PDB file of N, CA and C in Angstrom:
ATOM      1  N   MET A   1      -9.589  11.641   7.931  1.00  0.00           N
ATOM      2  CA  MET A   1      -9.552  10.576   7.220  1.00  0.00           C
ATOM      3  C   MET A   1      -9.113  11.468   6.388  1.00  0.00           C
ATOM      4  N   ASN A   2      -8.431  10.579   5.147  1.00  0.00           N
ATOM      5  CA  ASN A   2      -7.859  10.975   3.856  1.00  0.00           C
ATOM      6  C   ASN A   2      -8.882  10.573   1.711  1.00  0.00           C
ATOM      7  N   ALA A   3      -9.263  11.783   1.322  1.00  0.00           N
ATOM      8  CA  ALA A   3      -9.274  10.629   0.243  1.00  0.00           C
ATOM      9  C   ALA A   3      -8.509   9.860  -0.731  1.00  0.00           C
ATOM     10  N   ASN A   4      -9.192   8.921  -0.847  1.00  0.00           N
ATOM     11  CA  ASN A   4      -8.718   7.544  -1.282  1.00  0.00           C
ATOM     12  C   ASN A   4      -9.534   7.598  -2.801  1.00  0.00           C
ATOM     13  N   GLY A   5     -10.335   8.329  -3.689  1.00  0.00           N
ATOM     14  CA  GLY A   5     -10.457   8.372  -4.908  1.00  0.00           C
ATOM     15  C   GLY A   5     -11.681   8.738  -4.854  1.00  0.00           C
ATOM     16  N   SER A   6     -11.551   8.899  -6.382  1.00  0.00           N
ATOM     17  CA  SER A   6     -12.795   9.620  -6.684  1.00  0.00           C
ATOM     18  C   SER A   6     -14.205   8.555  -7.835  1.00  0.00           C
ATOM     19  N   PHE A   7     -15.491   9.230  -7.626  1.00  0.00           N
ATOM     20  CA  PHE A   7     -15.846   7.988  -9.226  1.00  0.00           C
ATOM     21  C   PHE A   7     -16.491   9.305  -9.542  1.00  0.00           C
ATOM     22  N   LYS A   8     -17.817   9.075 -10.797  1.00  0.00           N
ATOM     23  CA  LYS A   8     -17.446   9.822 -11.945  1.00  0.00           C
ATOM     24  C   LYS A   8     -19.365   8.818 -12.403  1.00  0.00           C
ATOM     25  N   GLY A   9     -20.614   9.392 -11.743  1.00  0.00           N
ATOM     26  CA  GLY A   9     -21.372   8.926 -12.874  1.00  0.00           C
ATOM     27  C   GLY A   9     -22.002   7.122 -11.713  1.00  0.00           C
ATOM     28  N   GLN A  10     -21.880   8.275 -10.795  1.00  0.00           N
ATOM     29  CA  GLN A  10     -22.757   7.086  -9.879  1.00  0.00           C
ATOM     30  C   GLN A  10     -23.810   6.816  -9.167  1.00  0.00           C
ATOM     31  N   PRO A  11     -24.798   5.960  -8.290  1.00  0.00           N
ATOM     32  CA  PRO A  11     -25.868   6.599  -8.695  1.00  0.00           C
ATOM     33  C   PRO A  11     -25.604   6.862  -7.136  1.00  0.00           C
ATOM     34  N   ALA A  12     -26.360   8.078  -6.465  1.00  0.00           N
ATOM     35  CA  ALA A  12     -26.759   8.805  -5.273  1.00  0.00           C
ATOM     36  C   ALA A  12     -27.949   7.843  -4.402  1.00  0.00           C
ATOM     37  N   PRO A  13     -27.354   7.719  -2.805  1.00  0.00           N
ATOM     38  CA  PRO A  13     -28.535   7.691  -2.087  1.00  0.00           C
ATOM     39  C   PRO A  13     -30.169   7.858  -2.933  1.00  0.00           C
ATOM     40  N   CYS A  14     -29.451   8.802  -2.984  1.00  0.00           N
ATOM     41  CA  CYS A  14     -31.075  10.164  -2.755  1.00  0.00           C
ATOM     42  C   CYS A  14     -31.874   9.806  -4.755  1.00  0.00           C
ATOM     43  N   GLY A  15     -30.715   9.287  -5.584  1.00  0.00           N
ATOM     44  CA  GLY A  15     -30.750   8.191  -6.241  1.00  0.00           C
ATOM     45  C   GLY A  15     -31.064   9.325  -7.929  1.00  0.00           C
ATOM     46  N   LYS A  16     -30.104  10.140  -7.542  1.00  0.00           N
ATOM     47  CA  LYS A  16     -28.826  10.903  -8.358  1.00  0.00           C
ATOM     48  C   LYS A  16     -28.381  10.940  -9.286  1.00  0.00           C
ATOM     49  N   VAL A  17     -28.159  10.818  -9.974  1.00  0.00           N
ATOM     50  CA  VAL A  17     -26.175  10.234 -10.464  1.00  0.00           C
ATOM     51  C   VAL A  17     -24.892  11.246 -11.014  1.00  0.00           C
ATOM     52  N   CYS A  18     -24.387  11.664 -10.472  1.00  0.00           N
ATOM     53  CA  CYS A  18     -22.987  11.841 -10.009  1.00  0.00           C
ATOM     54  C   CYS A  18     -22.015  11.458  -9.283  1.00  0.00           C
ATOM     55  N   ASP A  19     -20.868  12.615  -9.582  1.00  0.00           N
ATOM     56  CA  ASP A  19     -19.747  11.958  -9.131  1.00  0.00           C
ATOM     57  C   ASP A  19     -19.349  12.737  -7.438  1.00  0.00           C
ATOM     58  N   GLY A  20     -17.782  11.715  -6.909  1.00  0.00           N
ATOM     59  CA  GLY A  20     -17.874  11.529  -6.050  1.00  0.00           C
ATOM     60  C   GLY A  20     -16.318  11.196  -4.911  1.00  0.00           C
ATOM     61  N   GLU A  21     -16.557  11.371  -4.205  1.00  0.00           N
ATOM     62  CA  GLU A  21     -15.495  10.872  -3.528  1.00  0.00           C
ATOM     63  C   GLU A  21     -15.228   8.941  -2.400  1.00  0.00           C
ATOM     64  N   HIS A  22     -14.389   8.478  -2.194  1.00  0.00           N
ATOM     65  CA  HIS A  22     -14.718   7.142  -1.463  1.00  0.00           C
ATOM     66  C   HIS A  22     -13.408   7.503  -0.837  1.00  0.00           C
ATOM     67  N   TYR A  23     -13.535   7.384   1.274  1.00  0.00           N
ATOM     68  CA  TYR A  23     -12.987   7.608   2.050  1.00  0.00           C
ATOM     69  C   TYR A  23     -12.935   6.705   2.942  1.00  0.00           C
ATOM     70  N   GLU A  24     -11.747   5.807   3.754  1.00  0.00           N
ATOM     71  CA  GLU A  24     -11.858   4.952   4.444  1.00  0.00           C
ATOM     72  C   GLU A  24     -10.810   5.354   5.236  1.00  0.00           C
ATOM     73  N   ASP A  25     -11.432   5.159   6.551  1.00  0.00           N
ATOM     74  CA  ASP A  25     -10.134   5.188   7.578  1.00  0.00           C
ATOM     75  C   ASP A  25     -10.160   4.073   9.245  1.00  0.00           C
ATOM     76  N   HIS A  26      -8.519   3.727   9.328  1.00  0.00           N
ATOM     77  CA  HIS A  26      -8.607   2.596   9.912  1.00  0.00           C
ATOM     78  C   HIS A  26      -8.897   3.425  12.076  1.00  0.00           C
ATOM     79  N   ASP A  27      -9.394   3.588  12.986  1.00  0.00           N
ATOM     80  CA  ASP A  27      -9.128   3.766  14.211  1.00  0.00           C
ATOM     81  C   ASP A  27      -7.794   2.772  15.220  1.00  0.00           C
ATOM     82  N   ASP A  28      -8.042   3.486  16.143  1.00  0.00           N
ATOM     83  CA  ASP A  28      -7.152   1.896  17.126  1.00  0.00           C
ATOM     84  C   ASP A  28      -7.915   1.317  17.877  1.00  0.00           C
ATOM     85  N   ASP A  29      -9.296   1.561  17.625  1.00  0.00           N
ATOM     86  CA  ASP A  29      -9.501   0.145  18.239  1.00  0.00           C
ATOM     87  C   ASP A  29     -10.078  -0.614  17.061  1.00  0.00           C
ATOM     88  N   VAL A  30      -9.559  -0.872  15.915  1.00  0.00           N
ATOM     89  CA  VAL A  30     -10.304  -1.948  15.019  1.00  0.00           C
ATOM     90  C   VAL A  30     -10.532  -0.959  13.966  1.00  0.00           C
ATOM     91  N   VAL A  31     -11.142  -0.525  14.336  1.00  0.00           N
ATOM     92  CA  VAL A  31     -12.855  -0.767  13.614  1.00  0.00           C
ATOM     93  C   VAL A  31     -12.605   0.756  11.580  1.00  0.00           C
ATOM     94  N   VAL A  32     -13.119   0.420  11.615  1.00  0.00           N
ATOM     95  CA  VAL A  32     -13.338   1.053   9.966  1.00  0.00           C
ATOM     96  C   VAL A  32     -14.535   1.946   9.516  1.00  0.00           C
ATOM     97  N   THR A  33     -13.726   3.014   9.571  1.00  0.00           N
ATOM     98  CA  THR A  33     -15.330   3.760   8.780  1.00  0.00           C
ATOM     99  C   THR A  33     -14.797   4.223   7.472  1.00  0.00           C
ATOM    100  N   ARG A  34     -15.615   3.526   6.318  1.00  0.00           N
ATOM    101  CA  ARG A  34     -16.352   3.438   4.907  1.00  0.00           C
ATOM    102  C   ARG A  34     -16.782   4.837   5.076  1.00  0.00           C
ATOM    103  N   GLU A  35     -16.222   5.918   4.199  1.00  0.00           N
ATOM    104  CA  GLU A  35     -17.333   7.025   3.983  1.00  0.00           C
ATOM    105  C   GLU A  35     -17.367   7.273   2.319  1.00  0.00           C
ATOM    106  N   VAL A  36     -18.691   7.137   1.845  1.00  0.00           N
ATOM    107  CA  VAL A  36     -18.641   8.258   0.330  1.00  0.00           C
ATOM    108  C   VAL A  36     -19.301   9.546   0.092  1.00  0.00           C
ATOM    109  N   GLU A  37     -19.409  10.300  -0.179  1.00  0.00           N
ATOM    110  CA  GLU A  37     -19.731  12.212   0.031  1.00  0.00           C
ATOM    111  C   GLU A  37     -19.358  11.776  -2.028  1.00  0.00           C
ATOM    112  N   TYR A  38     -21.599  12.352  -2.286  1.00  0.00           N
ATOM    113  CA  TYR A  38     -21.594  12.605  -3.367  1.00  0.00           C
ATOM    114  C   TYR A  38     -21.199  13.965  -3.565  1.00  0.00           C
ATOM    115  N   SER A  39     -21.703  14.449  -4.958  1.00  0.00           N
ATOM    116  CA  SER A  39     -21.168  15.723  -5.069  1.00  0.00           C
ATOM    117  C   SER A  39     -22.977  16.642  -4.895  1.00  0.00           C
ATOM    118  N   CYS A  40     -24.098  15.905  -5.458  1.00  0.00           N
ATOM    119  CA  CYS A  40     -25.835  16.438  -4.525  1.00  0.00           C
ATOM    120  C   CYS A  40     -25.818  16.201  -2.851  1.00  0.00           C
ATOM    121  N   GLY A  41     -24.181  16.322  -2.681  1.00  0.00           N
ATOM    122  CA  GLY A  41     -24.621  16.204  -1.046  1.00  0.00           C
ATOM    123  C   GLY A  41     -25.310  14.800   0.205  1.00  0.00           C
ATOM    124  N   CYS A  42     -25.266  13.895  -0.972  1.00  0.00           N
ATOM    125  CA  CYS A  42     -25.399  12.482   0.224  1.00  0.00           C
ATOM    126  C   CYS A  42     -24.805  12.406   1.013  1.00  0.00           C
ATOM    127  N   VAL A  43     -24.058  11.626   1.026  1.00  0.00           N
ATOM    128  CA  VAL A  43     -22.887  11.016   2.708  1.00  0.00           C
ATOM    129  C   VAL A  43     -23.614   9.259   2.873  1.00  0.00           C
ATOM    130  N   SER A  44     -22.167   9.238   2.548  1.00  0.00           N
ATOM    131  CA  SER A  44     -22.713   7.264   2.352  1.00  0.00           C
ATOM    132  C   SER A  44     -21.937   7.252   4.057  1.00  0.00           C
ATOM    133  N   ILE A  45     -21.872   6.508   5.241  1.00  0.00           N
ATOM    134  CA  ILE A  45     -20.818   5.856   5.947  1.00  0.00           C
ATOM    135  C   ILE A  45     -21.333   4.622   6.747  1.00  0.00           C
ATOM    136  N   GLN A  46     -20.004   3.821   6.215  1.00  0.00           N
ATOM    137  CA  GLN A  46     -19.982   2.329   6.931  1.00  0.00           C
ATOM    138  C   GLN A  46     -18.594   2.524   7.410  1.00  0.00           C
ATOM    139  N   HIS A  47     -18.943   1.447   9.340  1.00  0.00           N
ATOM    140  CA  HIS A  47     -18.104   1.174   9.699  1.00  0.00           C
ATOM    141  C   HIS A  47     -18.592  -0.156  10.346  1.00  0.00           C
ATOM    142  N   GLU A  48     -17.382  -0.167  10.458  1.00  0.00           N
ATOM    143  CA  GLU A  48     -16.821  -2.519  11.267  1.00  0.00           C
ATOM    144  C   GLU A  48     -16.001  -3.099  11.150  1.00  0.00           C
ATOM    145  N   GLU A  49     -16.057  -3.452  12.536  1.00  0.00           N
ATOM    146  CA  GLU A  49     -14.993  -3.759  12.933  1.00  0.00           C
ATOM    147  C   GLU A  49     -14.481  -5.022  12.419  1.00  0.00           C
ATOM    148  N   LEU A  50     -13.077  -4.652  11.904  1.00  0.00           N
ATOM    149  CA  LEU A  50     -12.914  -6.448  12.289  1.00  0.00           C
ATOM    150  C   LEU A  50     -12.134  -7.350  13.647  1.00  0.00           C
ATOM    151  N   LEU A  51     -12.692  -8.291  12.846  1.00  0.00           N
ATOM    152  CA  LEU A  51     -11.892  -9.314  14.418  1.00  0.00           C
ATOM    153  C   LEU A  51     -10.354  -9.878  13.685  1.00  0.00           C
ATOM    154  N   SER A  52      -9.876 -10.268  15.394  1.00  0.00           N
ATOM    155  CA  SER A  52      -8.574 -10.459  14.685  1.00  0.00           C
ATOM    156  C   SER A  52      -8.553 -11.960  14.669  1.00  0.00           C
ATOM    157  N   ALA A  53      -8.788 -13.063  14.095  1.00  0.00           N
ATOM    158  CA  ALA A  53      -8.200 -14.666  13.940  1.00  0.00           C
ATOM    159  C   ALA A  53      -7.354 -14.838  15.605  1.00  0.00           C
ATOM    160  N   GLU A  54      -7.757 -15.596  16.890  1.00  0.00           N
ATOM    161  CA  GLU A  54      -6.939 -15.606  17.215  1.00  0.00           C
ATOM    162  C   GLU A  54      -6.803 -17.722  17.971  1.00  0.00           C
TER     163      GLU A  54
END
């Protein structure tokens, strides 16, 4: 998973305002994982299955 960007001064899940990085990964099963790591140590992870239109 590669860093897709960074941010400054955003609220973390713990309530602190801090900097961090966004990550996004696509796997072979058509699942997208989005991860946000905050400088305070909080991590937010979302998994999304992409459906194809057939």
